[in-house]
Amino acid sequence: MTLARIRDTKQPGETKDWYIDLSKWFSTRSDLPASVDLVQPSGALFTASLLGSSGMMLRLTMSGGSDGLTYNAQAFVNTDSTPPVRREVDVTVLVRESQ
């Protein structure tokens, strides 16, 4: 199950972030978000973190990248259950210098 798909554009020198509210997915669950793993491409820097006391907000940030290239990253949110449940957030960003 994919929690979110982000498609966006940014400039090479810009740092951009996105926030994904996880509360809808967890509203019917008894477990909580525990960690996030990130698979990212080379040439750009992505970071991922869970925010708030219960971790119900996922923040993804991207900086860098080369003009004209598209970058894809995946963040995997893991629950605190045993075994953990893992859900994916896909991010696709086109880096384009404004004219």
Protein backbone atom coordinates (compact mmCIF):
# COMPACT_ATOMS: atom_id res chain seq x y z
CA MET A 1 0.00 0.00 0.00
CA THR A 2 1.33 3.42 -0.95
CA LEU A 3 0.46 6.18 1.52
CA ALA A 4 1.21 9.07 -0.86
CA ARG A 5 2.66 9.93 -4.25
CA ILE A 6 4.35 13.31 -4.57
CA ARG A 7 5.11 14.83 -7.99
CA ASP A 8 6.78 18.23 -7.96
CA THR A 9 9.33 20.57 -9.57
CA LYS A 10 12.13 22.54 -7.91
CA GLN A 11 15.09 24.70 -8.90
CA PRO A 12 18.66 23.35 -8.47
CA GLY A 13 19.56 25.78 -5.65
CA GLU A 14 16.24 25.45 -3.84
CA THR A 15 15.49 23.27 -0.81
CA LYS A 16 11.92 22.01 -0.82
CA ASP A 17 9.93 20.08 1.77
CA TRP A 18 6.63 18.21 1.87
CA TYR A 19 4.49 17.15 4.83
CA ILE A 20 2.36 13.99 4.77
CA ASP A 21 -0.28 13.57 7.48
CA LEU A 22 -0.27 9.92 8.60
CA SER A 23 -3.21 10.22 11.02
CA LYS A 24 -5.82 8.95 8.56
CA TRP A 25 -3.94 5.69 8.05
CA PHE A 26 -3.38 5.25 11.78
CA SER A 27 -6.94 6.22 12.81
CA THR A 28 -8.05 2.58 12.55
CA ARG A 29 -4.84 1.06 13.91
CA SER A 30 -3.64 0.39 17.45
CA ASP A 31 0.06 0.84 16.60
CA LEU A 32 2.01 4.04 15.91
CA PRO A 33 4.67 5.20 13.46
CA ALA A 34 8.07 4.23 14.83
CA SER A 35 10.65 4.95 12.16
CA VAL A 36 11.17 5.93 8.55
CA ASP A 37 13.66 4.49 6.06
CA LEU A 38 14.70 6.36 2.93
CA VAL A 39 15.86 5.06 -0.45
CA GLN A 40 17.26 7.96 -2.44
CA PRO A 41 19.08 8.51 -5.72
CA SER A 42 22.59 9.89 -6.06
CA GLY A 43 22.95 13.52 -7.10
CA ALA A 44 20.34 15.00 -4.75
CA LEU A 45 19.85 14.94 -0.99
CA PHE A 46 16.57 13.72 0.46
CA THR A 47 15.86 13.53 4.19
CA ALA A 48 12.85 12.02 5.98
CA SER A 49 11.68 12.38 9.57
CA LEU A 50 8.61 11.75 11.71
CA LEU A 51 7.33 14.85 13.52
CA GLY A 52 5.15 15.40 16.56
CA SER A 53 4.90 13.49 19.81
CA SER A 54 3.17 10.54 18.11
CA GLY A 55 5.04 10.80 14.78
CA MET A 56 1.83 11.32 12.79
CA MET A 57 3.47 13.77 10.38
CA LEU A 58 6.13 12.71 7.86
CA ARG A 59 8.44 15.45 6.60
CA LEU A 60 10.40 14.89 3.39
CA THR A 61 13.03 17.38 2.25
CA MET A 62 15.03 17.58 -0.97
CA SER A 63 18.00 19.79 -1.83
CA GLY A 64 20.42 19.84 -4.74
CA GLY A 65 19.94 18.08 -8.02
CA SER A 66 20.97 18.96 -11.57
CA ASP A 67 18.92 21.05 -13.99
CA GLY A 68 16.81 18.91 -16.33
CA LEU A 69 17.02 15.70 -14.30
CA THR A 70 14.20 13.87 -12.53
CA TYR A 71 14.84 12.26 -9.13
CA ASN A 72 12.82 9.47 -7.51
CA ALA A 73 12.95 8.57 -3.81
CA GLN A 74 10.93 6.30 -1.54
CA ALA A 75 10.29 6.77 2.16
CA PHE A 76 9.08 3.74 4.13
CA VAL A 77 7.11 4.37 7.32
CA ASN A 78 7.46 1.50 9.84
CA THR A 79 5.04 0.92 12.70
CA ASP A 80 5.90 -0.06 16.29
CA SER A 81 4.02 -3.38 16.02
CA THR A 82 5.68 -6.81 15.95
CA PRO A 83 6.33 -7.47 13.17
CA PRO A 84 6.31 -3.88 11.93
CA VAL A 85 3.93 -2.85 9.15
CA ARG A 86 5.72 -0.91 6.41
CA ARG A 87 4.08 1.59 4.01
CA GLU A 88 5.62 3.58 1.18
CA VAL A 89 5.63 7.24 0.11
CA ASP A 90 6.90 7.85 -3.45
CA VAL A 91 8.51 11.17 -4.42
CA THR A 92 9.33 12.25 -7.99
CA VAL A 93 10.91 15.66 -8.48
CA LEU A 94 11.97 17.36 -11.72
CA VAL A 95 14.78 19.86 -11.20
CA ARG A 96 14.35 22.81 -13.56
CA GLU A 97 15.98 26.22 -13.54
CA SER A 98 13.40 28.99 -13.92
CA GLN A 99 13.73 31.04 -17.09
